[in-house]
Amino acid sequence: MNQNALNYIAVACGGALGAVSRLAVGQLFAFSSFPLGTLAVNIAGSLFLGWFTTAAFPTLNISPTVRVGIAVGFVGAFTTFRT
């Protein structure tokens, strides 16, 4: 399997986990008429993505495919940065 196909699979798997996580966080804040769930996931996702790209990339030995799966797939589905 070529690297491009592996990247697509990693983004799909990360995206599935991110979407389910977003749903769970949204349901935690379902009591509010203000979109607290959206606010929470966007703040958490931004902080995580900032940490992951600046601190985790240089220090952790993570393959480029896993990086794409986490940064684009998981965080992209968890937050609204993809829009």
PDB file of N, CA and C in Angstrom:
ATOM      1  N   MET A   1       0.850  -1.172   0.000  1.00  0.00           N
ATOM      2  CA  MET A   1       0.000   0.000   0.000  1.00  0.00           C
ATOM      3  C   MET A   1       0.897   1.237   0.000  1.00  0.00           C
ATOM      4  N   ASN A   2       0.570   2.210  -0.827  1.00  0.00           N
ATOM      5  CA  ASN A   2       1.426   3.384  -0.914  1.00  0.00           C
ATOM      6  C   ASN A   2       1.135   4.373   0.228  1.00  0.00           C
ATOM      7  N   GLN A   3       2.028   5.328   0.396  1.00  0.00           N
ATOM      8  CA  GLN A   3       1.940   6.284   1.502  1.00  0.00           C
ATOM      9  C   GLN A   3       0.691   7.151   1.410  1.00  0.00           C
ATOM     10  N   ASN A   4       0.301   7.509   0.217  1.00  0.00           N
ATOM     11  CA  ASN A   4      -0.888   8.342   0.044  1.00  0.00           C
ATOM     12  C   ASN A   4      -2.135   7.634   0.552  1.00  0.00           C
ATOM     13  N   ALA A   5      -2.263   6.361   0.245  1.00  0.00           N
ATOM     14  CA  ALA A   5      -3.409   5.588   0.709  1.00  0.00           C
ATOM     15  C   ALA A   5      -3.398   5.462   2.227  1.00  0.00           C
ATOM     16  N   LEU A   6      -2.224   5.266   2.819  1.00  0.00           N
ATOM     17  CA  LEU A   6      -2.125   5.188   4.280  1.00  0.00           C
ATOM     18  C   LEU A   6      -2.533   6.500   4.936  1.00  0.00           C
ATOM     19  N   ASN A   7      -2.172   7.618   4.328  1.00  0.00           N
ATOM     20  CA  ASN A   7      -2.588   8.920   4.870  1.00  0.00           C
ATOM     21  C   ASN A   7      -4.106   9.066   4.857  1.00  0.00           C
ATOM     22  N   TYR A   8      -4.746   8.638   3.780  1.00  0.00           N
ATOM     23  CA  TYR A   8      -6.207   8.699   3.712  1.00  0.00           C
ATOM     24  C   TYR A   8      -6.851   7.834   4.791  1.00  0.00           C
ATOM     25  N   ILE A   9      -6.311   6.658   5.003  1.00  0.00           N
ATOM     26  CA  ILE A   9      -6.845   5.771   6.040  1.00  0.00           C
ATOM     27  C   ILE A   9      -6.649   6.380   7.421  1.00  0.00           C
ATOM     28  N   ALA A  10      -5.485   6.978   7.661  1.00  0.00           N
ATOM     29  CA  ALA A  10      -5.209   7.608   8.954  1.00  0.00           C
ATOM     30  C   ALA A  10      -6.154   8.777   9.199  1.00  0.00           C
ATOM     31  N   VAL A  11      -6.405   9.591   8.187  1.00  0.00           N
ATOM     32  CA  VAL A  11      -7.325  10.724   8.342  1.00  0.00           C
ATOM     33  C   VAL A  11      -8.748  10.219   8.584  1.00  0.00           C
ATOM     34  N   ALA A  12      -9.145   9.155   7.894  1.00  0.00           N
ATOM     35  CA  ALA A  12     -10.485   8.599   8.085  1.00  0.00           C
ATOM     36  C   ALA A  12     -10.673   8.048   9.498  1.00  0.00           C
ATOM     37  N   CYS A  13      -9.679   7.329   9.986  1.00  0.00           N
ATOM     38  CA  CYS A  13      -9.768   6.770  11.343  1.00  0.00           C
ATOM     39  C   CYS A  13      -9.751   7.881  12.389  1.00  0.00           C
ATOM     40  N   GLY A  14      -8.846   8.838  12.240  1.00  0.00           N
ATOM     41  CA  GLY A  14      -8.803   9.967  13.166  1.00  0.00           C
ATOM     42  C   GLY A  14     -10.075  10.782  13.115  1.00  0.00           C
ATOM     43  N   GLY A  15     -10.611  10.958  11.918  1.00  0.00           N
ATOM     44  CA  GLY A  15     -11.852  11.706  11.760  1.00  0.00           C
ATOM     45  C   GLY A  15     -13.035  11.037  12.432  1.00  0.00           C
ATOM     46  N   ALA A  16     -13.087   9.727  12.348  1.00  0.00           N
ATOM     47  CA  ALA A  16     -14.172   9.000  13.019  1.00  0.00           C
ATOM     48  C   ALA A  16     -14.094   9.195  14.534  1.00  0.00           C
ATOM     49  N   LEU A  17     -12.902   9.088  15.092  1.00  0.00           N
ATOM     50  CA  LEU A  17     -12.735   9.286  16.536  1.00  0.00           C
ATOM     51  C   LEU A  17     -13.019  10.731  16.938  1.00  0.00           C
ATOM     52  N   GLY A  18     -12.601  11.672  16.124  1.00  0.00           N
ATOM     53  CA  GLY A  18     -12.853  13.079  16.417  1.00  0.00           C
ATOM     54  C   GLY A  18     -14.332  13.419  16.370  1.00  0.00           C
ATOM     55  N   ALA A  19     -15.052  12.857  15.417  1.00  0.00           N
ATOM     56  CA  ALA A  19     -16.484  13.124  15.299  1.00  0.00           C
ATOM     57  C   ALA A  19     -17.251  12.558  16.486  1.00  0.00           C
ATOM     58  N   VAL A  20     -16.896  11.365  16.910  1.00  0.00           N
ATOM     59  CA  VAL A  20     -17.549  10.767  18.070  1.00  0.00           C
ATOM     60  C   VAL A  20     -17.220  11.563  19.334  1.00  0.00           C
ATOM     61  N   SER A  21     -15.981  12.026  19.440  1.00  0.00           N
ATOM     62  CA  SER A  21     -15.589  12.841  20.597  1.00  0.00           C
ATOM     63  C   SER A  21     -16.353  14.157  20.616  1.00  0.00           C
ATOM     64  N   ARG A  22     -16.522  14.756  19.458  1.00  0.00           N
ATOM     65  CA  ARG A  22     -17.271  16.013  19.397  1.00  0.00           C
ATOM     66  C   ARG A  22     -18.714  15.806  19.813  1.00  0.00           C
ATOM     67  N   LEU A  23     -19.318  14.731  19.371  1.00  0.00           N
ATOM     68  CA  LEU A  23     -20.688  14.422  19.762  1.00  0.00           C
ATOM     69  C   LEU A  23     -20.788  14.267  21.275  1.00  0.00           C
ATOM     70  N   ALA A  24     -19.827  13.570  21.873  1.00  0.00           N
ATOM     71  CA  ALA A  24     -19.847  13.356  23.321  1.00  0.00           C
ATOM     72  C   ALA A  24     -19.725  14.677  24.079  1.00  0.00           C
ATOM     73  N   VAL A  25     -18.818  15.526  23.652  1.00  0.00           N
ATOM     74  CA  VAL A  25     -18.655  16.825  24.315  1.00  0.00           C
ATOM     75  C   VAL A  25     -19.907  17.679  24.110  1.00  0.00           C
ATOM     76  N   GLY A  26     -20.465  17.655  22.926  1.00  0.00           N
ATOM     77  CA  GLY A  26     -21.691  18.404  22.657  1.00  0.00           C
ATOM     78  C   GLY A  26     -22.838  17.971  23.539  1.00  0.00           C
ATOM     79  N   GLN A  27     -22.934  16.671  23.794  1.00  0.00           N
ATOM     80  CA  GLN A  27     -23.996  16.163  24.656  1.00  0.00           C
ATOM     81  C   GLN A  27     -23.771  16.531  26.114  1.00  0.00           C
ATOM     82  N   LEU A  28     -22.525  16.710  26.513  1.00  0.00           N
ATOM     83  CA  LEU A  28     -22.248  17.155  27.880  1.00  0.00           C
ATOM     84  C   LEU A  28     -22.790  18.557  28.131  1.00  0.00           C
ATOM     85  N   PHE A  29     -22.797  19.384  27.084  1.00  0.00           N
ATOM     86  CA  PHE A  29     -23.235  20.765  27.210  1.00  0.00           C
ATOM     87  C   PHE A  29     -24.609  20.997  26.593  1.00  0.00           C
ATOM     88  N   ALA A  30     -25.393  19.954  26.427  1.00  0.00           N
ATOM     89  CA  ALA A  30     -26.704  20.065  25.788  1.00  0.00           C
ATOM     90  C   ALA A  30     -27.696  20.855  26.636  1.00  0.00           C
ATOM     91  N   PHE A  31     -27.430  21.016  27.906  1.00  0.00           N
ATOM     92  CA  PHE A  31     -28.335  21.732  28.804  1.00  0.00           C
ATOM     93  C   PHE A  31     -28.388  23.233  28.524  1.00  0.00           C
ATOM     94  N   SER A  32     -27.383  23.760  27.840  1.00  0.00           N
ATOM     95  CA  SER A  32     -27.254  25.200  27.648  1.00  0.00           C
ATOM     96  C   SER A  32     -27.872  25.642  26.328  1.00  0.00           C
ATOM     97  N   SER A  33     -28.512  26.815  26.354  1.00  0.00           N
ATOM     98  CA  SER A  33     -29.017  27.374  25.098  1.00  0.00           C
ATOM     99  C   SER A  33     -27.887  28.043  24.318  1.00  0.00           C
ATOM    100  N   PHE A  34     -26.799  28.414  24.995  1.00  0.00           N
ATOM    101  CA  PHE A  34     -25.604  28.947  24.352  1.00  0.00           C
ATOM    102  C   PHE A  34     -24.770  27.769  23.847  1.00  0.00           C
ATOM    103  N   PRO A  35     -24.154  27.855  22.696  1.00  0.00           N
ATOM    104  CA  PRO A  35     -23.385  26.708  22.162  1.00  0.00           C
ATOM    105  C   PRO A  35     -22.061  26.468  22.909  1.00  0.00           C
ATOM    106  N   LEU A  36     -22.174  26.078  24.183  1.00  0.00           N
ATOM    107  CA  LEU A  36     -20.983  25.826  24.993  1.00  0.00           C
ATOM    108  C   LEU A  36     -20.168  24.657  24.462  1.00  0.00           C
ATOM    109  N   GLY A  37     -20.839  23.674  23.898  1.00  0.00           N
ATOM    110  CA  GLY A  37     -20.124  22.523  23.343  1.00  0.00           C
ATOM    111  C   GLY A  37     -19.195  22.941  22.215  1.00  0.00           C
ATOM    112  N   THR A  38     -19.679  23.787  21.331  1.00  0.00           N
ATOM    113  CA  THR A  38     -18.855  24.285  20.232  1.00  0.00           C
ATOM    114  C   THR A  38     -17.686  25.096  20.760  1.00  0.00           C
ATOM    115  N   LEU A  39     -17.955  25.949  21.723  1.00  0.00           N
ATOM    116  CA  LEU A  39     -16.894  26.747  22.328  1.00  0.00           C
ATOM    117  C   LEU A  39     -15.843  25.851  22.979  1.00  0.00           C
ATOM    118  N   ALA A  40     -16.302  24.848  23.715  1.00  0.00           N
ATOM    119  CA  ALA A  40     -15.377  23.940  24.410  1.00  0.00           C
ATOM    120  C   ALA A  40     -14.500  23.155  23.434  1.00  0.00           C
ATOM    121  N   VAL A  41     -15.096  22.598  22.390  1.00  0.00           N
ATOM    122  CA  VAL A  41     -14.288  21.800  21.461  1.00  0.00           C
ATOM    123  C   VAL A  41     -13.336  22.675  20.660  1.00  0.00           C
ATOM    124  N   ASN A  42     -13.748  23.887  20.328  1.00  0.00           N
ATOM    125  CA  ASN A  42     -12.844  24.755  19.568  1.00  0.00           C
ATOM    126  C   ASN A  42     -11.671  25.223  20.418  1.00  0.00           C
ATOM    127  N   ILE A  43     -11.908  25.547  21.669  1.00  0.00           N
ATOM    128  CA  ILE A  43     -10.803  25.935  22.542  1.00  0.00           C
ATOM    129  C   ILE A  43      -9.896  24.743  22.806  1.00  0.00           C
ATOM    130  N   ALA A  44     -10.481  23.603  23.166  1.00  0.00           N
ATOM    131  CA  ALA A  44      -9.674  22.406  23.443  1.00  0.00           C
ATOM    132  C   ALA A  44      -8.907  21.960  22.201  1.00  0.00           C
ATOM    133  N   GLY A  45      -9.571  21.960  21.055  1.00  0.00           N
ATOM    134  CA  GLY A  45      -8.916  21.539  19.821  1.00  0.00           C
ATOM    135  C   GLY A  45      -7.793  22.462  19.408  1.00  0.00           C
ATOM    136  N   SER A  46      -7.999  23.763  19.561  1.00  0.00           N
ATOM    137  CA  SER A  46      -6.946  24.727  19.222  1.00  0.00           C
ATOM    138  C   SER A  46      -5.740  24.564  20.128  1.00  0.00           C
ATOM    139  N   LEU A  47      -5.990  24.433  21.424  1.00  0.00           N
ATOM    140  CA  LEU A  47      -4.886  24.236  22.361  1.00  0.00           C
ATOM    141  C   LEU A  47      -4.148  22.929  22.075  1.00  0.00           C
ATOM    142  N   PHE A  48      -4.906  21.859  21.827  1.00  0.00           N
ATOM    143  CA  PHE A  48      -4.275  20.571  21.547  1.00  0.00           C
ATOM    144  C   PHE A  48      -3.458  20.630  20.263  1.00  0.00           C
ATOM    145  N   LEU A  49      -4.022  21.205  19.208  1.00  0.00           N
ATOM    146  CA  LEU A  49      -3.314  21.271  17.930  1.00  0.00           C
ATOM    147  C   LEU A  49      -2.050  22.116  18.052  1.00  0.00           C
ATOM    148  N   GLY A  50      -2.134  23.217  18.784  1.00  0.00           N
ATOM    149  CA  GLY A  50      -0.947  24.037  19.016  1.00  0.00           C
ATOM    150  C   GLY A  50       0.131  23.281  19.758  1.00  0.00           C
ATOM    151  N   TRP A  51      -0.273  22.569  20.814  1.00  0.00           N
ATOM    152  CA  TRP A  51       0.696  21.768  21.571  1.00  0.00           C
ATOM    153  C   TRP A  51       1.249  20.646  20.701  1.00  0.00           C
ATOM    154  N   PHE A  52       0.384  19.966  20.006  1.00  0.00           N
ATOM    155  CA  PHE A  52       0.798  18.805  19.221  1.00  0.00           C
ATOM    156  C   PHE A  52       1.786  19.187  18.124  1.00  0.00           C
ATOM    157  N   THR A  53       1.532  20.291  17.453  1.00  0.00           N
ATOM    158  CA  THR A  53       2.415  20.667  16.340  1.00  0.00           C
ATOM    159  C   THR A  53       3.713  21.315  16.798  1.00  0.00           C
ATOM    160  N   THR A  54       3.727  21.932  17.967  1.00  0.00           N
ATOM    161  CA  THR A  54       4.960  22.583  18.421  1.00  0.00           C
ATOM    162  C   THR A  54       5.752  21.759  19.413  1.00  0.00           C
ATOM    163  N   ALA A  55       5.090  21.042  20.285  1.00  0.00           N
ATOM    164  CA  ALA A  55       5.797  20.286  21.317  1.00  0.00           C
ATOM    165  C   ALA A  55       5.931  18.803  20.977  1.00  0.00           C
ATOM    166  N   ALA A  56       4.888  18.220  20.443  1.00  0.00           N
ATOM    167  CA  ALA A  56       4.908  16.781  20.213  1.00  0.00           C
ATOM    168  C   ALA A  56       5.707  16.386  18.975  1.00  0.00           C
ATOM    169  N   PHE A  57       5.617  17.165  17.908  1.00  0.00           N
ATOM    170  CA  PHE A  57       6.349  16.814  16.689  1.00  0.00           C
ATOM    171  C   PHE A  57       7.843  16.648  16.941  1.00  0.00           C
ATOM    172  N   PRO A  58       8.492  17.642  17.552  1.00  0.00           N
ATOM    173  CA  PRO A  58       9.946  17.518  17.708  1.00  0.00           C
ATOM    174  C   PRO A  58      10.369  16.500  18.767  1.00  0.00           C
ATOM    175  N   THR A  59       9.547  16.292  19.782  1.00  0.00           N
ATOM    176  CA  THR A  59       9.993  15.452  20.901  1.00  0.00           C
ATOM    177  C   THR A  59       9.540  14.005  20.810  1.00  0.00           C
ATOM    178  N   LEU A  60       8.371  13.763  20.264  1.00  0.00           N
ATOM    179  CA  LEU A  60       7.860  12.398  20.176  1.00  0.00           C
ATOM    180  C   LEU A  60       8.220  11.788  18.830  1.00  0.00           C
ATOM    181  N   ASN A  61       8.512  10.530  18.843  1.00  0.00           N
ATOM    182  CA  ASN A  61       8.846   9.819  17.610  1.00  0.00           C
ATOM    183  C   ASN A  61       7.549   9.283  16.990  1.00  0.00           C
ATOM    184  N   ILE A  62       6.834  10.156  16.292  1.00  0.00           N
ATOM    185  CA  ILE A  62       5.549   9.807  15.685  1.00  0.00           C
ATOM    186  C   ILE A  62       5.717   9.821  14.175  1.00  0.00           C
ATOM    187  N   SER A  63       5.208   8.795  13.533  1.00  0.00           N
ATOM    188  CA  SER A  63       5.331   8.722  12.076  1.00  0.00           C
ATOM    189  C   SER A  63       4.504   9.829  11.416  1.00  0.00           C
ATOM    190  N   PRO A  64       4.900  10.242  10.231  1.00  0.00           N
ATOM    191  CA  PRO A  64       4.139  11.275   9.519  1.00  0.00           C
ATOM    192  C   PRO A  64       2.686  10.876   9.261  1.00  0.00           C
ATOM    193  N   THR A  65       2.433   9.606   9.060  1.00  0.00           N
ATOM    194  CA  THR A  65       1.065   9.148   8.825  1.00  0.00           C
ATOM    195  C   THR A  65       0.210   9.338  10.065  1.00  0.00           C
ATOM    196  N   VAL A  66       0.749   9.021  11.230  1.00  0.00           N
ATOM    197  CA  VAL A  66       0.003   9.203  12.478  1.00  0.00           C
ATOM    198  C   VAL A  66      -0.194  10.692  12.756  1.00  0.00           C
ATOM    199  N   ARG A  67       0.798  11.496  12.462  1.00  0.00           N
ATOM    200  CA  ARG A  67       0.667  12.950  12.641  1.00  0.00           C
ATOM    201  C   ARG A  67      -0.503  13.494  11.828  1.00  0.00           C
ATOM    202  N   VAL A  68      -0.588  13.069  10.571  1.00  0.00           N
ATOM    203  CA  VAL A  68      -1.684  13.519   9.711  1.00  0.00           C
ATOM    204  C   VAL A  68      -3.016  13.017  10.252  1.00  0.00           C
ATOM    205  N   GLY A  69      -3.045  11.781  10.700  1.00  0.00           N
ATOM    206  CA  GLY A  69      -4.282  11.221  11.249  1.00  0.00           C
ATOM    207  C   GLY A  69      -4.774  11.981  12.463  1.00  0.00           C
ATOM    208  N   ILE A  70      -3.846  12.403  13.310  1.00  0.00           N
ATOM    209  CA  ILE A  70      -4.233  13.143  14.516  1.00  0.00           C
ATOM    210  C   ILE A  70      -4.550  14.596  14.188  1.00  0.00           C
ATOM    211  N   ALA A  71      -3.625  15.269  13.518  1.00  0.00           N
ATOM    212  CA  ALA A  71      -3.773  16.708  13.292  1.00  0.00           C
ATOM    213  C   ALA A  71      -4.912  17.039  12.328  1.00  0.00           C
ATOM    214  N   VAL A  72      -5.003  16.312  11.226  1.00  0.00           N
ATOM    215  CA  VAL A  72      -6.029  16.615  10.229  1.00  0.00           C
ATOM    216  C   VAL A  72      -7.304  15.822  10.502  1.00  0.00           C
ATOM    217  N   GLY A  73      -7.154  14.533  10.772  1.00  0.00           N
ATOM    218  CA  GLY A  73      -8.326  13.678  10.967  1.00  0.00           C
ATOM    219  C   GLY A  73      -9.048  13.946  12.271  1.00  0.00           C
ATOM    220  N   PHE A  74      -8.370  13.678  13.385  1.00  0.00           N
ATOM    221  CA  PHE A  74      -9.025  13.811  14.684  1.00  0.00           C
ATOM    222  C   PHE A  74      -9.394  15.254  14.997  1.00  0.00           C
ATOM    223  N   VAL A  75      -8.410  16.142  14.968  1.00  0.00           N
ATOM    224  CA  VAL A  75      -8.676  17.534  15.343  1.00  0.00           C
ATOM    225  C   VAL A  75      -9.595  18.201  14.322  1.00  0.00           C
ATOM    226  N   GLY A  76      -9.464  17.833  13.056  1.00  0.00           N
ATOM    227  CA  GLY A  76     -10.341  18.394  12.038  1.00  0.00           C
ATOM    228  C   GLY A  76     -11.793  18.036  12.247  1.00  0.00           C
ATOM    229  N   ALA A  77     -12.063  16.809  12.650  1.00  0.00           N
ATOM    230  CA  ALA A  77     -13.445  16.398  12.906  1.00  0.00           C
ATOM    231  C   ALA A  77     -13.912  16.883  14.282  1.00  0.00           C
ATOM    232  N   PHE A  78     -13.003  16.991  15.223  1.00  0.00           N
ATOM    233  CA  PHE A  78     -13.364  17.424  16.573  1.00  0.00           C
ATOM    234  C   PHE A  78     -13.710  18.910  16.603  1.00  0.00           C
ATOM    235  N   THR A  79     -12.973  19.707  15.870  1.00  0.00           N
ATOM    236  CA  THR A  79     -13.214  21.146  15.855  1.00  0.00           C
ATOM    237  C   THR A  79     -13.850  21.556  14.540  1.00  0.00           C
ATOM    238  N   THR A  80     -13.976  22.835  14.344  1.00  0.00           N
ATOM    239  CA  THR A  80     -14.524  23.325  13.077  1.00  0.00           C
ATOM    240  C   THR A  80     -13.462  23.980  12.221  1.00  0.00           C
ATOM    241  N   PHE A  81     -12.184  23.698  12.506  1.00  0.00           N
ATOM    242  CA  PHE A  81     -11.139  24.321  11.696  1.00  0.00           C
ATOM    243  C   PHE A  81     -11.188  23.846  10.249  1.00  0.00           C
ATOM    244  N   ARG A  82     -11.759  22.703  10.007  1.00  0.00           N
ATOM    245  CA  ARG A  82     -11.833  22.166   8.659  1.00  0.00           C
ATOM    246  C   ARG A  82     -12.778  22.963   7.772  1.00  0.00           C
ATOM    247  N   THR A  83     -13.681  23.725   8.349  1.00  0.00           N
ATOM    248  CA  THR A  83     -14.638  24.490   7.535  1.00  0.00           C
ATOM    249  C   THR A  83     -13.999  25.783   7.096  1.00  0.00           C
TER     250      THR A  83
END
